[in-house]
Protein backbone atom coordinates (compact mmCIF):
# COMPACT_ATOMS: atom_id res chain seq x y z
CA UNK A 1 159.18 107.58 101.45
CA UNK A 2 160.58 105.27 104.10
CA UNK A 3 164.06 106.74 103.87
CA UNK A 4 166.30 106.17 106.86
CA UNK A 5 166.63 109.05 109.28
CA UNK A 6 167.57 109.63 112.91
CA UNK A 7 164.53 111.65 113.94
CA UNK A 8 161.98 108.80 113.85
CA UNK A 9 162.45 105.45 115.57
CA UNK A 10 161.08 102.86 113.15
CA UNK A 11 160.05 99.51 114.72
CA UNK A 12 162.74 96.88 114.40
CA UNK A 13 160.09 94.15 114.04
CA UNK A 14 159.71 95.15 110.39
CA UNK A 15 163.04 93.49 109.67
CA UNK A 16 161.57 90.07 110.51
CA UNK A 17 159.32 90.13 107.45
CA UNK A 18 162.24 91.32 105.29
CA UNK A 19 164.35 88.44 106.60
CA UNK A 20 161.81 85.79 105.64
CA UNK A 21 161.28 87.44 102.24
CA UNK A 22 165.02 87.34 101.58
CA UNK A 23 165.16 83.73 102.83
CA UNK A 24 162.39 82.58 100.47
CA UNK A 25 163.96 84.43 97.53
CA UNK A 26 167.35 82.83 98.28
CA UNK A 27 165.78 79.36 98.42
CA UNK A 28 164.05 79.96 95.11
CA UNK A 29 167.32 81.13 93.55
CA UNK A 30 169.08 78.01 94.82
CA UNK A 31 166.42 75.75 93.28
CA UNK A 32 166.66 77.58 89.95
CA UNK A 33 170.44 77.17 89.92
CA UNK A 34 170.26 73.47 90.75
CA UNK A 35 167.46 72.66 88.31
CA UNK A 36 168.51 75.01 85.54
CA UNK A 37 169.81 73.34 82.38
CA UNK A 38 170.20 74.37 78.76
CA UNK A 39 166.36 74.72 78.50
CA UNK A 40 166.24 73.22 75.02
CA UNK A 41 162.76 72.84 73.57
CA UNK A 42 161.19 69.39 73.65
CA UNK A 43 160.07 69.95 70.07
CA UNK A 44 162.36 68.86 67.25
CA UNK A 45 161.09 71.23 64.55
CA UNK A 46 158.12 73.43 63.67
CA UNK A 47 155.99 70.35 63.02
CA UNK A 48 156.12 69.78 66.77
CA UNK A 49 157.24 66.18 66.74
CA UNK A 50 158.01 65.33 70.32
CA UNK A 51 161.36 63.91 71.21
CA UNK A 52 161.18 60.17 71.82
CA UNK A 53 163.42 60.45 74.87
CA UNK A 54 161.78 63.29 76.73
CA UNK A 55 163.61 63.42 80.07
CA UNK A 56 160.67 65.00 81.88
CA UNK A 57 157.65 63.14 83.22
CA UNK A 58 154.41 64.16 81.48
CA UNK A 59 152.15 64.86 84.46
CA UNK A 60 149.48 66.44 82.21
CA UNK A 61 148.71 63.37 80.10
CA UNK A 62 149.22 60.69 82.76
CA UNK A 63 148.90 61.16 86.48
CA UNK A 64 150.60 58.89 88.93
CA UNK A 65 148.46 56.96 91.35
CA UNK A 66 147.87 58.56 94.73
CA UNK A 67 150.06 61.52 93.81
CA UNK A 68 148.48 64.78 94.84
CA UNK A 69 151.58 66.63 93.68
CA UNK A 70 150.67 65.95 90.03
CA UNK A 71 147.19 67.42 90.52
CA UNK A 72 148.69 70.47 92.26
CA UNK A 73 151.07 70.97 89.33
CA UNK A 74 148.20 70.62 86.88
CA UNK A 75 146.27 73.32 88.75
CA UNK A 76 149.29 75.62 88.85
CA UNK A 77 150.27 75.23 85.19
CA UNK A 78 146.70 75.21 83.86
CA UNK A 79 145.12 77.94 85.95
CA UNK A 80 147.99 79.81 87.58
CA UNK A 81 148.26 82.38 84.81
CA UNK A 82 144.50 83.00 84.90
CA UNK A 83 144.74 83.84 88.60
CA UNK A 84 147.62 86.20 87.86
CA UNK A 85 145.68 87.95 85.12
CA UNK A 86 142.57 88.25 87.28
CA UNK A 87 144.58 89.83 90.10
CA UNK A 88 146.18 92.19 87.59
CA UNK A 89 142.75 93.12 86.26
CA UNK A 90 141.50 93.77 89.80
CA UNK A 91 144.51 96.00 90.40
CA UNK A 92 143.64 97.93 87.25
CA UNK A 93 139.93 98.25 88.01
CA UNK A 94 140.56 99.30 91.60
CA UNK A 95 142.80 102.19 90.57
CA UNK A 96 141.91 105.60 89.18
CA UNK A 97 145.17 106.55 87.49
CA UNK A 98 146.82 106.12 84.12
CA UNK A 99 148.86 103.25 85.53
CA UNK A 100 145.65 101.34 86.27
CA UNK A 101 144.43 101.97 82.72
CA UNK A 102 147.63 100.40 81.41
CA UNK A 103 147.02 97.30 83.53
CA UNK A 104 143.49 96.96 82.16
CA UNK A 105 144.64 97.27 78.55
CA UNK A 106 147.48 94.77 78.94
CA UNK A 107 145.28 92.30 80.81
CA UNK A 108 142.59 92.30 78.13
CA UNK A 109 145.31 92.03 75.48
CA UNK A 110 146.49 88.76 77.04
CA UNK A 111 143.01 87.51 77.98
CA UNK A 112 141.89 88.01 74.37
CA UNK A 113 144.09 85.05 73.47
CA UNK A 114 141.96 82.80 75.69
CA UNK A 115 142.64 79.08 75.56
CA UNK A 116 144.73 79.56 72.43
CA UNK A 117 147.60 79.94 74.86
CA UNK A 118 147.86 76.15 74.76
CA UNK A 119 147.78 76.01 70.95
CA UNK A 120 151.37 76.05 69.74
CA UNK A 121 150.84 77.65 66.37
CA UNK A 122 154.16 78.73 64.88
CA UNK A 123 152.69 81.81 63.20
CA UNK A 124 150.07 83.28 65.51
CA UNK A 125 150.31 81.73 68.97
CA UNK A 126 153.87 80.61 69.33
CA UNK A 127 155.55 80.23 72.68
CA UNK A 128 157.83 83.18 71.94
CA UNK A 129 154.90 85.52 71.29
CA UNK A 130 153.16 84.40 74.48
CA UNK A 131 156.34 84.89 76.47
CA UNK A 132 156.80 88.32 74.90
CA UNK A 133 153.34 89.35 76.15
CA UNK A 134 154.14 88.28 79.68
CA UNK A 135 157.47 90.11 79.54
CA UNK A 136 155.62 93.22 78.39
CA UNK A 137 153.30 92.98 81.39
CA UNK A 138 156.25 92.42 83.72
CA UNK A 139 158.18 95.34 82.24
CA UNK A 140 155.15 97.59 82.62
CA UNK A 141 154.85 96.54 86.27
CA UNK A 142 158.49 97.46 86.91
CA UNK A 143 157.93 100.77 85.12
CA UNK A 144 154.89 101.53 87.30
CA UNK A 145 156.82 100.69 90.45
CA UNK A 146 159.61 103.06 89.43
CA UNK A 147 157.13 105.83 88.61
CA UNK A 148 155.23 105.38 91.88
CA UNK A 149 158.44 105.60 93.88
CA UNK A 150 159.55 108.65 91.93
CA UNK A 151 156.14 110.30 92.46
CA UNK A 152 156.56 109.89 96.21
CA UNK A 153 159.06 112.72 95.95
CA UNK A 154 156.29 114.92 94.59
CA UNK A 155 153.69 113.61 97.04
CA UNK A 156 155.76 113.99 100.21
CA UNK A 157 157.62 117.20 99.40
CA UNK A 158 155.74 119.23 96.80
CA UNK A 159 152.14 118.12 97.43
CA UNK A 160 151.20 121.54 98.84
CA UNK A 161 151.74 122.99 95.37
CA UNK A 162 148.63 121.15 94.18
CA UNK A 163 146.52 122.97 96.79
CA UNK A 164 148.15 126.39 96.94
CA UNK A 165 148.16 128.94 94.19
CA UNK A 166 150.39 128.22 91.24
CA UNK A 167 150.87 128.66 87.55
CA UNK A 168 148.25 126.08 86.58
CA UNK A 169 144.55 126.29 87.27
CA UNK A 170 143.38 124.51 90.42
CA UNK A 171 141.22 122.06 88.48
CA UNK A 172 144.16 121.24 86.22
CA UNK A 173 146.40 120.54 89.22
CA UNK A 174 143.72 118.28 90.69
CA UNK A 175 143.44 116.41 87.38
CA UNK A 176 147.20 115.83 87.24
CA UNK A 177 147.18 114.58 90.83
CA UNK A 178 144.37 112.12 90.09
CA UNK A 179 145.77 110.90 86.79
CA UNK A 180 149.12 109.97 88.31
CA UNK A 181 147.72 109.11 91.76
CA UNK A 182 150.12 111.44 93.53
CA UNK A 183 150.13 111.06 97.30
CA UNK A 184 152.38 110.47 100.29
CA UNK A 185 152.36 106.98 101.77
CA UNK A 186 154.66 107.97 104.64
CA UNK A 187 152.24 108.08 107.57
CA UNK A 188 154.60 110.06 109.79
CA UNK A 189 154.97 112.94 107.35
CA UNK A 190 151.32 112.86 106.37
CA UNK A 191 150.18 113.00 110.00
CA UNK A 192 152.45 115.93 110.76
CA UNK A 193 151.15 117.84 107.76
CA UNK A 194 147.50 117.23 108.70
CA UNK A 195 148.04 118.10 112.37
CA UNK A 196 149.99 121.19 111.51
CA UNK A 197 152.96 120.14 113.62
CA UNK A 198 156.40 121.57 113.30
CA UNK A 199 158.80 120.36 110.65
CA UNK A 200 160.24 116.90 111.05
CA UNK A 201 163.66 118.28 110.22
CA UNK A 202 164.49 121.66 111.74
CA UNK A 203 165.51 124.49 109.51
CA UNK A 204 163.22 123.49 106.63
CA UNK A 205 165.48 120.65 105.53
CA UNK A 206 162.68 118.12 104.95
CA UNK A 207 162.40 118.80 101.24
CA UNK A 208 166.16 118.75 100.81
CA UNK A 209 166.52 115.42 102.63
CA UNK A 210 163.78 113.72 100.60
CA UNK A 211 165.04 115.26 97.39
CA UNK A 212 168.47 113.78 98.12
């Protein structure tokens, strides 16, 4: 589970990647704080009459001469969400668990809208409904991350129960393990279990430490 302990010396070089990740996230937060305003809509009413004094430059309708930044922004805002949905669909197809099935269903739910994403219809395809779909996908991703981390407790501590004798039938235990993709991603613990080495924590405290 990657929990800190004193029995295994983890490489300190892993902190370099964490440092740059924190640095990029801090820079992004600084930009959001500096650029963030009241975020009022540029539309006056539901008839979508644009404000005459729009403070933002319309890089979609008119591109500046010799400005590659405008074309990059067009590519990001026009096709960025398609790339995100395709990667989400790949993540769903590549998995064999219930979490992957949820990704496939949510992805097709958003892809079914197609190019109507750009049609600002107040009743069917409003900006709020589109944003609600993306928030649903984001919330489901956070939920899957929480479940996968919680299932590491089962995979690293109680995984032997799925192979040994128990109350449930062996085929039923295998089905549960496949449906929720239960496994241990900690290579140290997994290698010791496969090799049949002694316990990582003496006195049989491995399960208690991970459970804590």
